[in-house]
Amino acid sequence: MDKTQSITYLTAFGEELARRGFTKVRILAVGGFYMLQEIENRPATEDIDFVSLDGDIDLTRKPLSQKEKAFRTAIWEVAKQYKLKRAWMNDDAGPFVLEYVPQPAITLWRTFGPLHVYLTDHETMLVYKIMGYSPKQKRDIDALCEELGISTYAEVKAIVDRLVPQQTQADYGVDETLEDLFVE
């Protein structure tokens, strides 16, 4: 989905949430959606990755609460309406995002009826990309570093050290990832 399509789908999703009685849902949108909207280093994204900021929606746990079922159904209704894959909007990364950076910087980006979409800052998004690193993240990491005006292991490591607990860094092999990405 491109920038325009993502707005169309989020608008429809907000309408679906309202139809299901939701009054306010706060999500942090991350990943490719962030890169598309804020960095503009890509023409499209496959999906919208998010995490609930209120902690009351987690589609990765079972059984789902009634609220979570209604939320998921709203996602599926938009998918059906626009012929999207059912996971066009998902929280698969959700359990990790707040583990990576327990206190992310957030700013309200836009509202779509009851849906309040927040974004983080470039540094936090860089950390998310590094913590969940796979080769497909390299282009986004490079774009974020360019946007931040940084290019060395030491500069990136300073950001990671400030935002991510040391034990979490160790658990996810951050030093090895950074060494692979930023050989000095």
N, C-alpha and C. Protein backbone atom coordinates (compact mmCIF):
# COMPACT_ATOMS: atom_id res chain seq x y z
N MET A 1 0.84 -1.18 0.00
CA MET A 1 0.00 0.00 0.00
C MET A 1 0.88 1.24 0.00
N ASP A 2 0.46 2.24 -0.76
CA ASP A 2 1.22 3.49 -0.79
C ASP A 2 0.65 4.45 0.26
N LYS A 3 1.20 5.67 0.30
CA LYS A 3 0.78 6.63 1.34
C LYS A 3 -0.72 6.92 1.26
N THR A 4 -1.21 7.18 0.08
CA THR A 4 -2.63 7.52 -0.10
C THR A 4 -3.52 6.34 0.28
N GLN A 5 -3.16 5.16 -0.16
CA GLN A 5 -3.94 3.97 0.18
C GLN A 5 -3.96 3.74 1.69
N SER A 6 -2.83 3.93 2.34
CA SER A 6 -2.79 3.69 3.78
C SER A 6 -3.74 4.63 4.52
N ILE A 7 -3.86 5.85 4.07
CA ILE A 7 -4.80 6.80 4.70
C ILE A 7 -6.23 6.34 4.44
N THR A 8 -6.50 5.91 3.23
CA THR A 8 -7.84 5.40 2.88
C THR A 8 -8.21 4.22 3.78
N TYR A 9 -7.30 3.28 3.95
CA TYR A 9 -7.57 2.09 4.76
C TYR A 9 -7.73 2.44 6.24
N LEU A 10 -6.90 3.35 6.73
CA LEU A 10 -7.03 3.76 8.14
C LEU A 10 -8.34 4.51 8.38
N THR A 11 -8.75 5.30 7.41
CA THR A 11 -10.03 6.00 7.52
C THR A 11 -11.18 4.98 7.62
N ALA A 12 -11.15 4.00 6.73
CA ALA A 12 -12.19 2.95 6.75
C ALA A 12 -12.12 2.16 8.05
N PHE A 13 -10.93 1.89 8.55
CA PHE A 13 -10.76 1.16 9.79
C PHE A 13 -11.34 1.95 10.96
N GLY A 14 -11.07 3.24 11.01
CA GLY A 14 -11.66 4.09 12.05
C GLY A 14 -13.18 4.04 12.02
N GLU A 15 -13.74 4.06 10.81
CA GLU A 15 -15.20 3.98 10.67
C GLU A 15 -15.72 2.63 11.17
N GLU A 16 -15.01 1.55 10.85
CA GLU A 16 -15.40 0.21 11.32
C GLU A 16 -15.34 0.14 12.85
N LEU A 17 -14.30 0.71 13.43
CA LEU A 17 -14.18 0.72 14.89
C LEU A 17 -15.35 1.48 15.52
N ALA A 18 -15.68 2.62 14.95
CA ALA A 18 -16.81 3.41 15.47
C ALA A 18 -18.10 2.61 15.40
N ARG A 19 -18.32 1.90 14.28
CA ARG A 19 -19.52 1.07 14.13
C ARG A 19 -19.60 -0.02 15.20
N ARG A 20 -18.45 -0.43 15.68
CA ARG A 20 -18.41 -1.49 16.69
C ARG A 20 -18.36 -0.94 18.11
N GLY A 21 -18.59 0.36 18.26
CA GLY A 21 -18.71 0.96 19.59
C GLY A 21 -17.41 1.44 20.23
N PHE A 22 -16.30 1.39 19.51
CA PHE A 22 -15.05 1.90 20.07
C PHE A 22 -15.12 3.42 20.15
N THR A 23 -14.64 3.97 21.24
CA THR A 23 -14.63 5.43 21.39
C THR A 23 -13.23 6.02 21.28
N LYS A 24 -12.21 5.27 21.71
CA LYS A 24 -10.83 5.72 21.56
C LYS A 24 -9.89 4.52 21.64
N VAL A 25 -9.11 4.38 20.58
CA VAL A 25 -8.09 3.33 20.50
C VAL A 25 -6.79 4.02 20.12
N ARG A 26 -5.78 3.85 20.96
CA ARG A 26 -4.47 4.46 20.70
C ARG A 26 -3.47 3.40 20.27
N ILE A 27 -2.90 3.58 19.07
CA ILE A 27 -1.90 2.63 18.59
C ILE A 27 -0.64 3.38 18.19
N LEU A 28 0.48 2.69 18.31
CA LEU A 28 1.76 3.18 17.82
C LEU A 28 2.05 2.41 16.54
N ALA A 29 2.11 3.13 15.43
CA ALA A 29 2.41 2.51 14.13
C ALA A 29 3.92 2.54 13.91
N VAL A 30 4.46 1.40 13.51
CA VAL A 30 5.91 1.27 13.35
C VAL A 30 6.24 0.63 12.01
N GLY A 31 7.51 0.30 11.82
CA GLY A 31 7.93 -0.47 10.66
C GLY A 31 7.82 0.28 9.35
N GLY A 32 7.43 -0.46 8.31
CA GLY A 32 7.36 0.10 6.97
C GLY A 32 6.41 1.28 6.86
N PHE A 33 5.34 1.26 7.63
CA PHE A 33 4.40 2.39 7.62
C PHE A 33 5.10 3.67 8.06
N TYR A 34 5.88 3.58 9.12
CA TYR A 34 6.64 4.74 9.60
C TYR A 34 7.60 5.22 8.51
N MET A 35 8.30 4.28 7.91
CA MET A 35 9.27 4.64 6.87
C MET A 35 8.58 5.32 5.69
N LEU A 36 7.43 4.82 5.33
CA LEU A 36 6.66 5.38 4.22
C LEU A 36 6.19 6.79 4.53
N GLN A 37 5.64 6.98 5.72
CA GLN A 37 5.05 8.27 6.08
C GLN A 37 6.09 9.32 6.49
N GLU A 38 7.09 8.92 7.25
CA GLU A 38 8.01 9.89 7.83
C GLU A 38 9.34 10.04 7.09
N ILE A 39 9.89 8.96 6.60
CA ILE A 39 11.21 9.00 5.96
C ILE A 39 11.07 9.07 4.44
N GLU A 40 10.00 8.50 3.94
CA GLU A 40 9.69 8.50 2.50
C GLU A 40 10.82 7.88 1.66
N ASN A 41 11.39 6.80 2.17
CA ASN A 41 12.44 6.11 1.43
C ASN A 41 11.92 4.93 0.63
N ARG A 42 10.62 4.79 0.57
CA ARG A 42 10.02 3.67 -0.14
C ARG A 42 8.67 4.13 -0.71
N PRO A 43 8.23 3.50 -1.78
CA PRO A 43 6.95 3.88 -2.38
C PRO A 43 5.75 3.23 -1.70
N ALA A 44 5.99 2.14 -0.95
CA ALA A 44 4.87 1.40 -0.37
C ALA A 44 5.35 0.54 0.79
N THR A 45 4.37 -0.02 1.51
CA THR A 45 4.64 -0.97 2.57
C THR A 45 3.64 -2.11 2.44
N GLU A 46 4.03 -3.28 2.92
CA GLU A 46 3.16 -4.46 2.83
C GLU A 46 1.99 -4.38 3.79
N ASP A 47 2.24 -3.78 4.97
CA ASP A 47 1.22 -3.78 6.02
C ASP A 47 1.50 -2.64 7.00
N ILE A 48 0.62 -2.51 7.96
CA ILE A 48 0.81 -1.54 9.03
C ILE A 48 1.04 -2.32 10.31
N ASP A 49 2.27 -2.24 10.82
CA ASP A 49 2.62 -2.88 12.08
C ASP A 49 2.28 -1.90 13.20
N PHE A 50 1.67 -2.41 14.27
CA PHE A 50 1.29 -1.52 15.36
C PHE A 50 1.38 -2.23 16.69
N VAL A 51 1.36 -1.42 17.74
CA VAL A 51 1.25 -1.93 19.10
C VAL A 51 0.22 -1.05 19.81
N SER A 52 -0.61 -1.67 20.62
CA SER A 52 -1.60 -0.93 21.40
C SER A 52 -0.89 -0.14 22.48
N LEU A 53 -1.17 1.13 22.57
CA LEU A 53 -0.55 1.96 23.60
C LEU A 53 -1.27 1.86 24.93
N ASP A 54 -2.47 1.34 24.92
CA ASP A 54 -3.23 1.21 26.15
C ASP A 54 -3.13 -0.20 26.74
N GLY A 55 -2.48 -1.09 26.01
CA GLY A 55 -2.26 -2.44 26.50
C GLY A 55 -3.51 -3.31 26.55
N ASP A 56 -4.60 -2.84 25.97
CA ASP A 56 -5.83 -3.62 26.04
C ASP A 56 -6.17 -4.36 24.75
N ILE A 57 -5.29 -4.22 23.75
CA ILE A 57 -5.49 -4.95 22.50
C ILE A 57 -4.18 -5.65 22.15
N ASP A 58 -4.24 -6.97 22.12
CA ASP A 58 -3.08 -7.78 21.76
C ASP A 58 -3.62 -8.98 20.99
N LEU A 59 -3.51 -8.90 19.67
CA LEU A 59 -4.05 -9.96 18.82
C LEU A 59 -3.14 -11.19 18.76
N THR A 60 -2.01 -11.13 19.46
CA THR A 60 -1.09 -12.27 19.46
C THR A 60 -1.37 -13.24 20.59
N ARG A 61 -2.18 -12.84 21.56
CA ARG A 61 -2.46 -13.75 22.68
C ARG A 61 -3.82 -14.43 22.46
N LYS A 62 -3.96 -15.56 23.07
CA LYS A 62 -5.22 -16.30 22.97
C LYS A 62 -5.65 -16.70 24.37
N PRO A 63 -6.92 -16.78 24.67
CA PRO A 63 -8.01 -16.37 23.79
C PRO A 63 -8.12 -14.85 23.73
N LEU A 64 -8.70 -14.36 22.66
CA LEU A 64 -8.92 -12.93 22.50
C LEU A 64 -10.11 -12.50 23.36
N SER A 65 -10.01 -11.29 23.89
CA SER A 65 -11.15 -10.71 24.61
C SER A 65 -12.20 -10.29 23.58
N GLN A 66 -13.38 -9.95 24.06
CA GLN A 66 -14.44 -9.47 23.16
C GLN A 66 -13.97 -8.22 22.42
N LYS A 67 -13.29 -7.34 23.11
CA LYS A 67 -12.78 -6.11 22.50
C LYS A 67 -11.77 -6.44 21.40
N GLU A 68 -10.89 -7.38 21.68
CA GLU A 68 -9.89 -7.77 20.69
C GLU A 68 -10.54 -8.43 19.48
N LYS A 69 -11.57 -9.24 19.72
CA LYS A 69 -12.28 -9.87 18.60
C LYS A 69 -12.95 -8.82 17.73
N ALA A 70 -13.56 -7.82 18.34
CA ALA A 70 -14.20 -6.75 17.58
C ALA A 70 -13.17 -5.94 16.79
N PHE A 71 -12.03 -5.70 17.39
CA PHE A 71 -10.94 -4.97 16.73
C PHE A 71 -10.45 -5.75 15.52
N ARG A 72 -10.20 -7.05 15.72
CA ARG A 72 -9.73 -7.90 14.62
C ARG A 72 -10.78 -7.97 13.51
N THR A 73 -12.04 -8.07 13.86
CA THR A 73 -13.10 -8.12 12.87
C THR A 73 -13.14 -6.84 12.05
N ALA A 74 -12.90 -5.70 12.69
CA ALA A 74 -12.86 -4.43 11.96
C ALA A 74 -11.71 -4.44 10.95
N ILE A 75 -10.57 -4.99 11.33
CA ILE A 75 -9.44 -5.12 10.41
C ILE A 75 -9.85 -5.98 9.22
N TRP A 76 -10.49 -7.10 9.50
CA TRP A 76 -10.90 -8.01 8.44
C TRP A 76 -11.95 -7.40 7.52
N GLU A 77 -12.84 -6.59 8.07
CA GLU A 77 -13.86 -5.93 7.24
C GLU A 77 -13.21 -4.99 6.23
N VAL A 78 -12.21 -4.25 6.66
CA VAL A 78 -11.50 -3.35 5.75
C VAL A 78 -10.76 -4.18 4.70
N ALA A 79 -10.17 -5.29 5.13
CA ALA A 79 -9.49 -6.17 4.18
C ALA A 79 -10.45 -6.66 3.10
N LYS A 80 -11.64 -7.06 3.53
CA LYS A 80 -12.65 -7.55 2.58
C LYS A 80 -13.08 -6.42 1.64
N GLN A 81 -13.33 -5.24 2.21
CA GLN A 81 -13.81 -4.10 1.42
C GLN A 81 -12.80 -3.69 0.34
N TYR A 82 -11.50 -3.73 0.67
CA TYR A 82 -10.47 -3.26 -0.26
C TYR A 82 -9.64 -4.39 -0.88
N LYS A 83 -10.07 -5.62 -0.66
CA LYS A 83 -9.37 -6.79 -1.22
C LYS A 83 -7.90 -6.82 -0.79
N LEU A 84 -7.70 -6.67 0.52
CA LEU A 84 -6.37 -6.72 1.12
C LEU A 84 -6.18 -8.06 1.81
N LYS A 85 -4.94 -8.39 2.11
CA LYS A 85 -4.73 -9.58 2.93
C LYS A 85 -5.26 -9.28 4.33
N ARG A 86 -5.70 -10.30 5.03
CA ARG A 86 -6.30 -10.10 6.35
C ARG A 86 -5.36 -9.44 7.33
N ALA A 87 -4.08 -9.66 7.16
CA ALA A 87 -3.08 -9.08 8.07
C ALA A 87 -2.53 -7.76 7.54
N TRP A 88 -3.36 -7.00 6.81
CA TRP A 88 -2.90 -5.71 6.30
C TRP A 88 -2.52 -4.78 7.45
N MET A 89 -3.09 -5.06 8.60
CA MET A 89 -2.77 -4.32 9.82
C MET A 89 -2.59 -5.38 10.90
N ASN A 90 -1.39 -5.40 11.53
CA ASN A 90 -1.15 -6.47 12.49
C ASN A 90 -0.24 -6.01 13.62
N ASP A 91 -0.34 -6.74 14.71
CA ASP A 91 0.50 -6.44 15.87
C ASP A 91 1.48 -7.57 16.16
N ASP A 92 1.91 -8.25 15.11
CA ASP A 92 2.87 -9.35 15.29
C ASP A 92 4.15 -8.87 15.98
N ALA A 93 4.56 -7.64 15.70
CA ALA A 93 5.77 -7.08 16.33
C ALA A 93 5.47 -6.49 17.70
N GLY A 94 4.21 -6.37 18.02
CA GLY A 94 3.78 -5.73 19.26
C GLY A 94 4.46 -6.20 20.53
N PRO A 95 4.54 -7.52 20.74
CA PRO A 95 5.17 -7.99 21.97
C PRO A 95 6.64 -7.57 22.11
N PHE A 96 7.29 -7.30 20.99
CA PHE A 96 8.71 -6.96 21.03
C PHE A 96 8.97 -5.46 21.13
N VAL A 97 8.13 -4.67 20.47
CA VAL A 97 8.38 -3.24 20.37
C VAL A 97 8.58 -2.58 21.73
N LEU A 98 7.69 -2.85 22.66
CA LEU A 98 7.82 -2.23 23.98
C LEU A 98 8.88 -2.91 24.84
N GLU A 99 9.27 -4.12 24.47
CA GLU A 99 10.40 -4.77 25.14
C GLU A 99 11.70 -4.10 24.70
N TYR A 100 11.80 -3.79 23.42
CA TYR A 100 13.00 -3.14 22.89
C TYR A 100 13.22 -1.78 23.55
N VAL A 101 12.18 -0.95 23.50
CA VAL A 101 12.26 0.40 24.07
C VAL A 101 11.04 0.55 24.98
N PRO A 102 11.22 0.34 26.28
CA PRO A 102 10.08 0.35 27.20
C PRO A 102 9.33 1.69 27.27
N GLN A 103 10.01 2.78 27.03
CA GLN A 103 9.40 4.11 27.10
C GLN A 103 9.63 4.86 25.78
N PRO A 104 8.97 4.45 24.70
CA PRO A 104 9.22 5.12 23.42
C PRO A 104 8.65 6.54 23.39
N ALA A 105 9.34 7.41 22.69
CA ALA A 105 8.80 8.74 22.43
C ALA A 105 7.62 8.56 21.49
N ILE A 106 6.49 9.19 21.80
CA ILE A 106 5.33 9.08 20.91
C ILE A 106 4.73 10.46 20.66
N THR A 107 4.22 10.62 19.46
CA THR A 107 3.54 11.85 19.05
C THR A 107 2.30 11.47 18.28
N LEU A 108 1.18 12.11 18.60
CA LEU A 108 -0.04 11.85 17.84
C LEU A 108 0.18 12.29 16.40
N TRP A 109 -0.02 11.37 15.49
CA TRP A 109 0.17 11.64 14.08
C TRP A 109 -1.15 12.07 13.44
N ARG A 110 -2.18 11.23 13.56
CA ARG A 110 -3.50 11.54 12.99
C ARG A 110 -4.56 10.75 13.72
N THR A 111 -5.79 11.24 13.63
CA THR A 111 -6.93 10.49 14.16
C THR A 111 -7.86 10.13 13.02
N PHE A 112 -8.48 9.00 13.17
CA PHE A 112 -9.46 8.48 12.22
C PHE A 112 -10.65 8.04 13.04
N GLY A 113 -11.52 8.98 13.38
CA GLY A 113 -12.61 8.67 14.29
C GLY A 113 -12.03 8.27 15.63
N PRO A 114 -12.40 7.09 16.13
CA PRO A 114 -11.87 6.67 17.44
C PRO A 114 -10.41 6.19 17.39
N LEU A 115 -9.88 6.01 16.20
CA LEU A 115 -8.52 5.51 16.05
C LEU A 115 -7.52 6.66 16.13
N HIS A 116 -6.65 6.62 17.13
CA HIS A 116 -5.60 7.61 17.30
C HIS A 116 -4.27 6.94 16.98
N VAL A 117 -3.64 7.39 15.91
CA VAL A 117 -2.40 6.78 15.45
C VAL A 117 -1.23 7.65 15.88
N TYR A 118 -0.32 7.03 16.61
CA TYR A 118 0.87 7.70 17.10
C TYR A 118 2.08 7.18 16.34
N LEU A 119 3.09 8.03 16.22
CA LEU A 119 4.38 7.63 15.66
C LEU A 119 5.45 7.93 16.70
N THR A 120 6.58 7.30 16.55
CA THR A 120 7.70 7.55 17.44
C THR A 120 8.67 8.51 16.75
N ASP A 121 9.87 8.63 17.28
CA ASP A 121 10.88 9.48 16.65
C ASP A 121 11.85 8.62 15.84
N HIS A 122 12.72 9.28 15.08
CA HIS A 122 13.65 8.56 14.20
C HIS A 122 14.61 7.66 14.99
N GLU A 123 15.07 8.13 16.14
CA GLU A 123 16.00 7.32 16.92
C GLU A 123 15.36 6.01 17.39
N THR A 124 14.14 6.13 17.90
CA THR A 124 13.45 4.92 18.37
C THR A 124 13.16 3.97 17.21
N MET A 125 12.76 4.52 16.06
CA MET A 125 12.52 3.65 14.91
C MET A 125 13.81 2.96 14.47
N LEU A 126 14.93 3.68 14.52
CA LEU A 126 16.21 3.06 14.19
C LEU A 126 16.48 1.88 15.13
N VAL A 127 16.23 2.08 16.40
CA VAL A 127 16.43 1.00 17.38
C VAL A 127 15.52 -0.18 17.06
N TYR A 128 14.26 0.08 16.73
CA TYR A 128 13.35 -1.02 16.38
C TYR A 128 13.89 -1.82 15.20
N LYS A 129 14.39 -1.12 14.21
CA LYS A 129 14.91 -1.79 13.01
C LYS A 129 16.16 -2.61 13.35
N ILE A 130 16.99 -2.11 14.22
CA ILE A 130 18.20 -2.83 14.61
C ILE A 130 17.86 -4.03 15.49
N MET A 131 16.97 -3.84 16.44
CA MET A 131 16.61 -4.93 17.36
C MET A 131 15.95 -6.10 16.63
N GLY A 132 15.15 -5.81 15.64
CA GLY A 132 14.48 -6.86 14.87
C GLY A 132 15.14 -7.08 13.52
N TYR A 133 16.46 -6.93 13.49
CA TYR A 133 17.19 -6.92 12.23
C TYR A 133 17.04 -8.19 11.40
N SER A 134 16.83 -7.95 10.12
CA SER A 134 16.97 -8.96 9.07
C SER A 134 17.51 -8.18 7.87
N PRO A 135 18.09 -8.84 6.89
CA PRO A 135 18.67 -8.11 5.76
C PRO A 135 17.72 -7.12 5.08
N LYS A 136 16.42 -7.39 5.11
CA LYS A 136 15.49 -6.46 4.47
C LYS A 136 15.39 -5.13 5.23
N GLN A 137 15.90 -5.08 6.47
CA GLN A 137 15.87 -3.84 7.26
C GLN A 137 17.01 -2.89 6.90
N LYS A 138 18.02 -3.39 6.22
CA LYS A 138 19.24 -2.60 5.95
C LYS A 138 18.93 -1.27 5.27
N ARG A 139 18.08 -1.29 4.26
CA ARG A 139 17.75 -0.06 3.54
C ARG A 139 17.10 0.98 4.46
N ASP A 140 16.22 0.51 5.34
CA ASP A 140 15.56 1.42 6.28
C ASP A 140 16.55 1.95 7.31
N ILE A 141 17.44 1.09 7.78
CA ILE A 141 18.45 1.53 8.75
C ILE A 141 19.35 2.60 8.13
N ASP A 142 19.77 2.37 6.90
CA ASP A 142 20.60 3.36 6.21
C ASP A 142 19.86 4.69 6.06
N ALA A 143 18.59 4.63 5.70
CA ALA A 143 17.80 5.86 5.52
C ALA A 143 17.62 6.61 6.85
N LEU A 144 17.38 5.86 7.91
CA LEU A 144 17.24 6.49 9.23
C LEU A 144 18.55 7.12 9.69
N CYS A 145 19.65 6.42 9.48
CA CYS A 145 20.96 6.99 9.85
C CYS A 145 21.25 8.26 9.06
N GLU A 146 20.93 8.24 7.79
CA GLU A 146 21.13 9.44 6.97
C GLU A 146 20.27 10.60 7.50
N GLU A 147 19.03 10.30 7.81
CA GLU A 147 18.11 11.32 8.34
C GLU A 147 18.63 11.89 9.67
N LEU A 148 19.23 11.02 10.49
CA LEU A 148 19.76 11.43 11.79
C LEU A 148 21.16 12.04 11.69
N GLY A 149 21.80 11.93 10.53
CA GLY A 149 23.14 12.47 10.35
C GLY A 149 24.21 11.67 11.08
N ILE A 150 24.01 10.35 11.16
CA ILE A 150 24.98 9.48 11.82
C ILE A 150 25.42 8.38 10.87
N SER A 151 26.61 7.82 11.12
CA SER A 151 27.09 6.78 10.21
C SER A 151 28.03 5.78 10.85
N THR A 152 28.36 5.95 12.12
CA THR A 152 29.34 5.06 12.74
C THR A 152 28.72 4.17 13.80
N TYR A 153 29.45 3.10 14.08
CA TYR A 153 29.06 2.18 15.14
C TYR A 153 28.86 2.94 16.44
N ALA A 154 29.81 3.79 16.80
CA ALA A 154 29.76 4.51 18.08
C ALA A 154 28.52 5.41 18.17
N GLU A 155 28.17 6.07 17.09
CA GLU A 155 27.00 6.95 17.10
C GLU A 155 25.71 6.15 17.28
N VAL A 156 25.60 5.06 16.57
CA VAL A 156 24.40 4.23 16.67
C VAL A 156 24.35 3.54 18.02
N LYS A 157 25.48 3.04 18.48
CA LYS A 157 25.53 2.35 19.78
C LYS A 157 25.13 3.29 20.91
N ALA A 158 25.49 4.56 20.82
CA ALA A 158 25.10 5.53 21.85
C ALA A 158 23.58 5.67 21.92
N ILE A 159 22.91 5.66 20.78
CA ILE A 159 21.44 5.73 20.76
C ILE A 159 20.85 4.46 21.36
N VAL A 160 21.35 3.32 20.93
CA VAL A 160 20.85 2.04 21.45
C VAL A 160 21.05 1.98 22.96
N ASP A 161 22.24 2.38 23.43
CA ASP A 161 22.52 2.34 24.88
C ASP A 161 21.58 3.23 25.67
N ARG A 162 21.20 4.34 25.10
CA ARG A 162 20.30 5.28 25.78
C ARG A 162 18.87 4.75 25.85
N LEU A 163 18.45 3.99 24.84
CA LEU A 163 17.04 3.59 24.75
C LEU A 163 16.73 2.15 25.16
N VAL A 164 17.71 1.28 25.06
CA VAL A 164 17.46 -0.15 25.27
C VAL A 164 18.22 -0.66 26.49
N PRO A 165 17.53 -1.31 27.41
CA PRO A 165 18.23 -1.89 28.57
C PRO A 165 19.34 -2.84 28.12
N GLN A 166 20.43 -2.88 28.87
CA GLN A 166 21.59 -3.71 28.52
C GLN A 166 21.23 -5.19 28.38
N GLN A 167 20.40 -5.70 29.28
CA GLN A 167 20.04 -7.11 29.21
C GLN A 167 19.27 -7.41 27.92
N THR A 168 18.39 -6.50 27.53
CA THR A 168 17.65 -6.68 26.28
C THR A 168 18.60 -6.67 25.10
N GLN A 169 19.58 -5.78 25.12
CA GLN A 169 20.59 -5.75 24.05
C GLN A 169 21.31 -7.10 23.97
N ALA A 170 21.68 -7.62 25.12
CA ALA A 170 22.39 -8.91 25.15
C ALA A 170 21.49 -10.03 24.63
N ASP A 171 20.24 -10.03 25.05
CA ASP A 171 19.29 -11.07 24.63
C ASP A 171 19.11 -11.10 23.12
N TYR A 172 19.19 -9.94 22.47
CA TYR A 172 18.95 -9.85 21.03
C TYR A 172 20.23 -9.72 20.21
N GLY A 173 21.39 -9.86 20.84
CA GLY A 173 22.65 -9.83 20.10
C GLY A 173 22.90 -8.53 19.38
N VAL A 174 22.59 -7.43 20.02
CA VAL A 174 22.70 -6.12 19.38
C VAL A 174 24.13 -5.79 18.97
N ASP A 175 25.11 -6.08 19.83
CA ASP A 175 26.49 -5.74 19.48
C ASP A 175 26.92 -6.43 18.18
N GLU A 176 26.54 -7.68 18.02
CA GLU A 176 26.89 -8.41 16.80
C GLU A 176 26.21 -7.80 15.58
N THR A 177 24.95 -7.43 15.73
CA THR A 177 24.23 -6.78 14.63
C THR A 177 24.91 -5.48 14.25
N LEU A 178 25.24 -4.67 15.24
CA LEU A 178 25.88 -3.38 14.96
C LEU A 178 27.25 -3.57 14.32
N GLU A 179 27.98 -4.57 14.77
CA GLU A 179 29.29 -4.84 14.17
C GLU A 179 29.14 -5.22 12.69
N ASP A 180 28.11 -6.00 12.39
CA ASP A 180 27.85 -6.39 11.01
C ASP A 180 27.45 -5.18 10.15
N LEU A 181 26.68 -4.28 10.74
CA LEU A 181 26.16 -3.14 9.99
C LEU A 181 27.13 -1.97 9.91
N PHE A 182 27.90 -1.76 10.95
CA PHE A 182 28.74 -0.56 11.04
C PHE A 182 30.18 -0.93 11.35
N VAL A 183 30.82 -1.62 10.45
CA VAL A 183 32.21 -2.00 10.63
C VAL A 183 33.06 -0.74 10.55
N GLU A 184 33.84 -0.53 11.60
CA GLU A 184 34.68 0.68 11.62
C GLU A 184 36.07 0.38 11.12
